[in-house]
Amino acid sequence: NIWRNSDMKHYTCNRKTGTREMLSPM
């Protein structure tokens, strides 16, 4: 997950970039 401290908005990783790697949205 990526988290923003000011409002605790977060996104879950959803983009595979490798066998065991993932990226979240920004």
PDB file of all heavy atoms in Angstrom:
ATOM      1  N   ASN A   1       0.849  -1.190   0.000  1.00  0.00           N
ATOM      2  CA  ASN A   1       0.000   0.000   0.000  1.00  0.00           C
ATOM      3  C   ASN A   1       0.880   1.233   0.000  1.00  0.00           C
ATOM      4  O   ASN A   1       1.971   1.219   0.583  1.00  0.00           O
ATOM      5  CB  ASN A   1      -0.889   0.065   1.248  1.00  0.00           C
ATOM      6  CG  ASN A   1      -2.037  -0.909   1.214  1.00  0.00           C
ATOM      7  OD1 ASN A   1      -2.604  -1.179   0.169  1.00  0.00           O
ATOM      8  ND2 ASN A   1      -2.390  -1.436   2.363  1.00  0.00           N
ATOM      9  N   ILE A   2       0.389   2.286  -0.609  1.00  0.00           N
ATOM     10  CA  ILE A   2       0.975   3.619  -0.468  1.00  0.00           C
ATOM     11  C   ILE A   2      -0.020   4.424   0.359  1.00  0.00           C
ATOM     12  O   ILE A   2      -1.231   4.300   0.156  1.00  0.00           O
ATOM     13  CB  ILE A   2       1.262   4.299  -1.835  1.00  0.00           C
ATOM     14  CG1 ILE A   2       1.946   5.648  -1.647  1.00  0.00           C
ATOM     15  CG2 ILE A   2       0.000   4.441  -2.673  1.00  0.00           C
ATOM     16  CD1 ILE A   2       3.334   5.569  -1.101  1.00  0.00           C
ATOM     17  N   TRP A   3       0.488   5.193   1.312  1.00  0.00           N
ATOM     18  CA  TRP A   3      -0.359   5.944   2.242  1.00  0.00           C
ATOM     19  C   TRP A   3       0.023   7.421   2.210  1.00  0.00           C
ATOM     20  O   TRP A   3       1.203   7.755   2.159  1.00  0.00           O
ATOM     21  CB  TRP A   3      -0.136   5.451   3.673  1.00  0.00           C
ATOM     22  CG  TRP A   3      -0.522   4.044   3.909  1.00  0.00           C
ATOM     23  CD1 TRP A   3       0.234   2.925   3.665  1.00  0.00           C
ATOM     24  CD2 TRP A   3      -1.755   3.577   4.449  1.00  0.00           C
ATOM     25  NE1 TRP A   3      -0.458   1.800   4.023  1.00  0.00           N
ATOM     26  CE2 TRP A   3      -1.681   2.173   4.507  1.00  0.00           C
ATOM     27  CE3 TRP A   3      -2.907   4.212   4.890  1.00  0.00           C
ATOM     28  CZ2 TRP A   3      -2.723   1.392   4.984  1.00  0.00           C
ATOM     29  CZ3 TRP A   3      -3.943   3.432   5.367  1.00  0.00           C
ATOM     30  CH2 TRP A   3      -3.844   2.033   5.413  1.00  0.00           C
ATOM     31  N   ARG A   4      -0.966   8.298   2.286  1.00  0.00           N
ATOM     32  CA  ARG A   4      -0.721   9.733   2.430  1.00  0.00           C
ATOM     33  C   ARG A   4      -1.033  10.094   3.872  1.00  0.00           C
ATOM     34  O   ARG A   4      -2.127   9.820   4.366  1.00  0.00           O
ATOM     35  CB  ARG A   4      -1.595  10.531   1.459  1.00  0.00           C
ATOM     36  CG  ARG A   4      -1.319  12.022   1.523  1.00  0.00           C
ATOM     37  CD  ARG A   4      -1.923  12.825   0.373  1.00  0.00           C
ATOM     38  NE  ARG A   4      -3.314  12.521   0.134  1.00  0.00           N
ATOM     39  CZ  ARG A   4      -3.854  12.406  -1.091  1.00  0.00           C
ATOM     40  NH1 ARG A   4      -3.117  12.553  -2.172  1.00  0.00           N
ATOM     41  NH2 ARG A   4      -5.136  12.144  -1.227  1.00  0.00           N
ATOM     42  N   ASN A   5      -0.081  10.713   4.553  1.00  0.00           N
ATOM     43  CA  ASN A   5      -0.231  11.001   5.977  1.00  0.00           C
ATOM     44  C   ASN A   5      -1.327  12.014   6.299  1.00  0.00           C
ATOM     45  O   ASN A   5      -1.977  11.899   7.340  1.00  0.00           O
ATOM     46  CB  ASN A   5       1.093  11.492   6.574  1.00  0.00           C
ATOM     47  CG  ASN A   5       2.058  10.353   6.804  1.00  0.00           C
ATOM     48  OD1 ASN A   5       1.686   9.307   7.320  1.00  0.00           O
ATOM     49  ND2 ASN A   5       3.304  10.539   6.397  1.00  0.00           N
ATOM     50  N   SER A   6      -1.564  12.994   5.465  1.00  0.00           N
ATOM     51  CA  SER A   6      -2.508  14.059   5.803  1.00  0.00           C
ATOM     52  C   SER A   6      -3.947  13.563   5.932  1.00  0.00           C
ATOM     53  O   SER A   6      -4.701  14.062   6.760  1.00  0.00           O
ATOM     54  CB  SER A   6      -2.448  15.187   4.777  1.00  0.00           C
ATOM     55  OG  SER A   6      -2.827  14.711   3.498  1.00  0.00           O
ATOM     56  N   ASP A   7      -4.340  12.589   5.108  1.00  0.00           N
ATOM     57  CA  ASP A   7      -5.718  12.107   5.163  1.00  0.00           C
ATOM     58  C   ASP A   7      -5.827  10.581   5.198  1.00  0.00           C
ATOM     59  O   ASP A   7      -6.907  10.038   5.153  1.00  0.00           O
ATOM     60  CB  ASP A   7      -6.530  12.652   3.986  1.00  0.00           C
ATOM     61  CG  ASP A   7      -5.953  12.267   2.628  1.00  0.00           C
ATOM     62  OD1 ASP A   7      -4.950  11.524   2.569  1.00  0.00           O
ATOM     63  OD2 ASP A   7      -6.516  12.722   1.612  1.00  0.00           O
ATOM     64  N   MET A   8      -4.690   9.901   5.290  1.00  0.00           N
ATOM     65  CA  MET A   8      -4.586   8.434   5.311  1.00  0.00           C
ATOM     66  C   MET A   8      -5.206   7.787   4.067  1.00  0.00           C
ATOM     67  O   MET A   8      -5.557   6.614   4.079  1.00  0.00           O
ATOM     68  CB  MET A   8      -5.181   7.843   6.592  1.00  0.00           C
ATOM     69  CG  MET A   8      -4.388   8.207   7.845  1.00  0.00           C
ATOM     70  SD  MET A   8      -2.611   7.856   7.732  1.00  0.00           S
ATOM     71  CE  MET A   8      -2.623   6.092   7.952  1.00  0.00           C
ATOM     72  N   LYS A   9      -5.331   8.553   2.985  1.00  0.00           N
ATOM     73  CA  LYS A   9      -5.757   7.968   1.714  1.00  0.00           C
ATOM     74  C   LYS A   9      -4.693   6.959   1.314  1.00  0.00           C
ATOM     75  O   LYS A   9      -3.503   7.175   1.531  1.00  0.00           O
ATOM     76  CB  LYS A   9      -5.897   9.038   0.638  1.00  0.00           C
ATOM     77  CG  LYS A   9      -6.382   8.477  -0.694  1.00  0.00           C
ATOM     78  CD  LYS A   9      -6.737   9.589  -1.644  1.00  0.00           C
ATOM     79  CE  LYS A   9      -7.259   9.052  -2.951  1.00  0.00           C
ATOM     80  NZ  LYS A   9      -8.585   8.445  -2.855  1.00  0.00           N
ATOM     81  N   HIS A  10      -5.123   5.839   0.740  1.00  0.00           N
ATOM     82  CA  HIS A  10      -4.155   4.825   0.348  1.00  0.00           C
ATOM     83  C   HIS A  10      -4.641   4.057  -0.874  1.00  0.00           C
ATOM     84  O   HIS A  10      -5.831   4.019  -1.160  1.00  0.00           O
ATOM     85  CB  HIS A  10      -3.866   3.866   1.505  1.00  0.00           C
ATOM     86  CG  HIS A  10      -5.046   3.058   1.925  1.00  0.00           C
ATOM     87  ND1 HIS A  10      -6.062   3.567   2.704  1.00  0.00           N
ATOM     88  CD2 HIS A  10      -5.398   1.785   1.653  1.00  0.00           C
ATOM     89  CE1 HIS A  10      -6.965   2.627   2.910  1.00  0.00           C
ATOM     90  NE2 HIS A  10      -6.602   1.532   2.273  1.00  0.00           N
ATOM     91  N   TYR A  11      -3.669   3.496  -1.571  1.00  0.00           N
ATOM     92  CA  TYR A  11      -3.934   2.619  -2.706  1.00  0.00           C
ATOM     93  C   TYR A  11      -3.146   1.331  -2.508  1.00  0.00           C
ATOM     94  O   TYR A  11      -2.055   1.338  -1.949  1.00  0.00           O
ATOM     95  CB  TYR A  11      -3.498   3.250  -4.031  1.00  0.00           C
ATOM     96  CG  TYR A  11      -4.336   4.411  -4.469  1.00  0.00           C
ATOM     97  CD1 TYR A  11      -3.817   5.693  -4.507  1.00  0.00           C
ATOM     98  CD2 TYR A  11      -5.659   4.228  -4.867  1.00  0.00           C
ATOM     99  CE1 TYR A  11      -4.580   6.763  -4.924  1.00  0.00           C
ATOM    100  CE2 TYR A  11      -6.431   5.297  -5.274  1.00  0.00           C
ATOM    101  CZ  TYR A  11      -5.887   6.557  -5.306  1.00  0.00           C
ATOM    102  OH  TYR A  11      -6.651   7.616  -5.711  1.00  0.00           O
ATOM    103  N   THR A  12      -3.711   0.253  -3.025  1.00  0.00           N
ATOM    104  CA  THR A  12      -3.071  -1.052  -2.961  1.00  0.00           C
ATOM    105  C   THR A  12      -2.335  -1.316  -4.270  1.00  0.00           C
ATOM    106  O   THR A  12      -2.809  -0.930  -5.338  1.00  0.00           O
ATOM    107  CB  THR A  12      -4.136  -2.138  -2.721  1.00  0.00           C
ATOM    108  OG1 THR A  12      -4.783  -1.855  -1.475  1.00  0.00           O
ATOM    109  CG2 THR A  12      -3.526  -3.523  -2.654  1.00  0.00           C
ATOM    110  N   CYS A  13      -1.197  -1.975  -4.163  1.00  0.00           N
ATOM    111  CA  CYS A  13      -0.427  -2.321  -5.363  1.00  0.00           C
ATOM    112  C   CYS A  13      -1.295  -3.139  -6.310  1.00  0.00           C
ATOM    113  O   CYS A  13      -1.997  -4.055  -5.883  1.00  0.00           O
ATOM    114  CB  CYS A  13       0.805  -3.131  -4.993  1.00  0.00           C
ATOM    115  SG  CYS A  13       2.043  -2.142  -4.158  1.00  0.00           S
ATOM    116  N   ASN A  14      -1.237  -2.794  -7.589  1.00  0.00           N
ATOM    117  CA  ASN A  14      -2.069  -3.485  -8.562  1.00  0.00           C
ATOM    118  C   ASN A  14      -1.366  -3.722  -9.892  1.00  0.00           C
ATOM    119  O   ASN A  14      -1.949  -4.248 -10.812  1.00  0.00           O
ATOM    120  CB  ASN A  14      -3.359  -2.695  -8.805  1.00  0.00           C
ATOM    121  CG  ASN A  14      -3.095  -1.311  -9.359  1.00  0.00           C
ATOM    122  OD1 ASN A  14      -1.956  -0.937  -9.641  1.00  0.00           O
ATOM    123  ND2 ASN A  14      -4.142  -0.535  -9.506  1.00  0.00           N
ATOM    124  N   ARG A  15      -0.096  -3.316 -10.016  1.00  0.00           N
ATOM    125  CA  ARG A  15       0.617  -3.457 -11.279  1.00  0.00           C
ATOM    126  C   ARG A  15       1.837  -4.335 -11.074  1.00  0.00           C
ATOM    127  O   ARG A  15       2.761  -3.965 -10.369  1.00  0.00           O
ATOM    128  CB  ARG A  15       1.051  -2.089 -11.786  1.00  0.00           C
ATOM    129  CG  ARG A  15       1.698  -2.124 -13.139  1.00  0.00           C
ATOM    130  CD  ARG A  15       2.065  -0.685 -13.534  1.00  0.00           C
ATOM    131  NE  ARG A  15       2.213  -0.486 -14.930  1.00  0.00           N
ATOM    132  CZ  ARG A  15       3.288  -0.852 -15.608  1.00  0.00           C
ATOM    133  NH1 ARG A  15       4.276  -1.472 -15.021  1.00  0.00           N
ATOM    134  NH2 ARG A  15       3.360  -0.596 -16.895  1.00  0.00           N
ATOM    135  N   LYS A  16       1.825  -5.518 -11.710  1.00  0.00           N
ATOM    136  CA  LYS A  16       2.987  -6.408 -11.627  1.00  0.00           C
ATOM    137  C   LYS A  16       4.104  -5.863 -12.498  1.00  0.00           C
ATOM    138  O   LYS A  16       3.872  -5.468 -13.634  1.00  0.00           O
ATOM    139  CB  LYS A  16       2.629  -7.817 -12.073  1.00  0.00           C
ATOM    140  CG  LYS A  16       1.820  -8.561 -11.052  1.00  0.00           C
ATOM    141  CD  LYS A  16       1.752 -10.020 -11.405  1.00  0.00           C
ATOM    142  CE  LYS A  16       1.710 -10.762 -10.102  1.00  0.00           C
ATOM    143  NZ  LYS A  16       2.422 -11.973 -10.112  1.00  0.00           N
ATOM    144  N   THR A  17       5.315  -5.839 -11.965  1.00  0.00           N
ATOM    145  CA  THR A  17       6.473  -5.390 -12.723  1.00  0.00           C
ATOM    146  C   THR A  17       7.517  -6.493 -12.841  1.00  0.00           C
ATOM    147  O   THR A  17       8.540  -6.309 -13.464  1.00  0.00           O
ATOM    148  CB  THR A  17       7.116  -4.154 -12.076  1.00  0.00           C
ATOM    149  OG1 THR A  17       7.498  -4.488 -10.734  1.00  0.00           O
ATOM    150  CG2 THR A  17       6.150  -2.991 -12.048  1.00  0.00           C
ATOM    151  N   GLY A  18       7.267  -7.620 -12.219  1.00  0.00           N
ATOM    152  CA  GLY A  18       8.182  -8.753 -12.241  1.00  0.00           C
ATOM    153  C   GLY A  18       7.487  -9.937 -11.601  1.00  0.00           C
ATOM    154  O   GLY A  18       6.330  -9.861 -11.213  1.00  0.00           O
ATOM    155  N   THR A  19       8.200 -11.042 -11.494  1.00  0.00           N
ATOM    156  CA  THR A  19       7.616 -12.242 -10.918  1.00  0.00           C
ATOM    157  C   THR A  19       7.104 -11.996  -9.514  1.00  0.00           C
ATOM    158  O   THR A  19       6.009 -12.399  -9.159  1.00  0.00           O
ATOM    159  CB  THR A  19       8.659 -13.379 -10.894  1.00  0.00           C
ATOM    160  OG1 THR A  19       9.157 -13.550 -12.216  1.00  0.00           O
ATOM    161  CG2 THR A  19       8.041 -14.670 -10.411  1.00  0.00           C
ATOM    162  N   ARG A  20       7.910 -11.320  -8.703  1.00  0.00           N
ATOM    163  CA  ARG A  20       7.512 -11.036  -7.324  1.00  0.00           C
ATOM    164  C   ARG A  20       7.702  -9.556  -7.000  1.00  0.00           C
ATOM    165  O   ARG A  20       8.220  -9.202  -5.945  1.00  0.00           O
ATOM    166  CB  ARG A  20       8.299 -11.935  -6.382  1.00  0.00           C
ATOM    167  CG  ARG A  20       7.832 -13.400  -6.452  1.00  0.00           C
ATOM    168  CD  ARG A  20       8.648 -14.308  -5.570  1.00  0.00           C
ATOM    169  NE  ARG A  20      10.051 -14.351  -5.902  1.00  0.00           N
ATOM    170  CZ  ARG A  20      10.600 -15.138  -6.825  1.00  0.00           C
ATOM    171  NH1 ARG A  20       9.858 -15.958  -7.504  1.00  0.00           N
ATOM    172  NH2 ARG A  20      11.892 -15.121  -7.049  1.00  0.00           N
ATOM    173  N   GLU A  21       7.284  -8.691  -7.925  1.00  0.00           N
ATOM    174  CA  GLU A  21       7.322  -7.247  -7.715  1.00  0.00           C
ATOM    175  C   GLU A  21       5.999  -6.637  -8.159  1.00  0.00           C
ATOM    176  O   GLU A  21       5.412  -7.087  -9.135  1.00  0.00           O
ATOM    177  CB  GLU A  21       8.424  -6.585  -8.541  1.00  0.00           C
ATOM    178  CG  GLU A  21       9.817  -6.904  -8.122  1.00  0.00           C
ATOM    179  CD  GLU A  21      10.834  -6.230  -9.038  1.00  0.00           C
ATOM    180  OE1 GLU A  21      10.471  -5.652 -10.075  1.00  0.00           O
ATOM    181  OE2 GLU A  21      12.019  -6.308  -8.699  1.00  0.00           O
ATOM    182  N   MET A  22       5.572  -5.621  -7.431  1.00  0.00           N
ATOM    183  CA  MET A  22       4.347  -4.896  -7.783  1.00  0.00           C
ATOM    184  C   MET A  22       4.515  -3.424  -7.439  1.00  0.00           C
ATOM    185  O   MET A  22       5.259  -3.081  -6.521  1.00  0.00           O
ATOM    186  CB  MET A  22       3.148  -5.454  -7.012  1.00  0.00           C
ATOM    187  CG  MET A  22       2.760  -6.855  -7.373  1.00  0.00           C
ATOM    188  SD  MET A  22       1.405  -7.469  -6.345  1.00  0.00           S
ATOM    189  CE  MET A  22       0.020  -6.631  -7.087  1.00  0.00           C
ATOM    190  N   LEU A  23       3.784  -2.556  -8.164  1.00  0.00           N
ATOM    191  CA  LEU A  23       3.749  -1.120  -7.910  1.00  0.00           C
ATOM    192  C   LEU A  23       2.336  -0.697  -7.539  1.00  0.00           C
ATOM    193  O   LEU A  23       1.366  -1.271  -8.026  1.00  0.00           O
ATOM    194  CB  LEU A  23       4.128  -0.324  -9.164  1.00  0.00           C
ATOM    195  CG  LEU A  23       5.552  -0.344  -9.650  1.00  0.00           C
ATOM    196  CD1 LEU A  23       5.658   0.430 -10.962  1.00  0.00           C
ATOM    197  CD2 LEU A  23       6.487   0.225  -8.619  1.00  0.00           C
ATOM    198  N   SER A  24       2.248   0.338  -6.743  1.00  0.00           N
ATOM    199  CA  SER A  24       0.945   0.933  -6.432  1.00  0.00           C
ATOM    200  C   SER A  24       0.686   2.093  -7.385  1.00  0.00           C
ATOM    201  O   SER A  24       1.611   2.609  -8.009  1.00  0.00           O
ATOM    202  CB  SER A  24       0.935   1.462  -4.996  1.00  0.00           C
ATOM    203  OG  SER A  24       1.704   2.652  -4.905  1.00  0.00           O
ATOM    204  N   PRO A  25      -0.562   2.553  -7.445  1.00  0.00           N
ATOM    205  CA  PRO A  25      -0.827   3.830  -8.094  1.00  0.00           C
ATOM    206  C   PRO A  25      -0.176   4.944  -7.263  1.00  0.00           C
ATOM    207  O   PRO A  25       0.243   4.716  -6.128  1.00  0.00           O
ATOM    208  CB  PRO A  25      -2.356   3.951  -8.044  1.00  0.00           C
ATOM    209  CG  PRO A  25      -2.846   2.561  -7.834  1.00  0.00           C
ATOM    210  CD  PRO A  25      -1.790   1.875  -7.033  1.00  0.00           C
ATOM    211  N   MET A  26      -0.141   6.134  -7.819  1.00  0.00           N
ATOM    212  CA  MET A  26       0.519   7.257  -7.145  1.00  0.00           C
ATOM    213  C   MET A  26      -0.454   8.049  -6.267  1.00  0.00           C
ATOM    214  O   MET A  26      -1.657   8.024  -6.479  1.00  0.00           O
ATOM    215  CB  MET A  26       1.094   8.229  -8.179  1.00  0.00           C
ATOM    216  CG  MET A  26       2.160   7.647  -9.034  1.00  0.00           C
ATOM    217  SD  MET A  26       2.872   8.867 -10.166  1.00  0.00           S
ATOM    218  CE  MET A  26       1.473   9.253 -11.207  1.00  0.00           C
TER     219      MET A  26
END
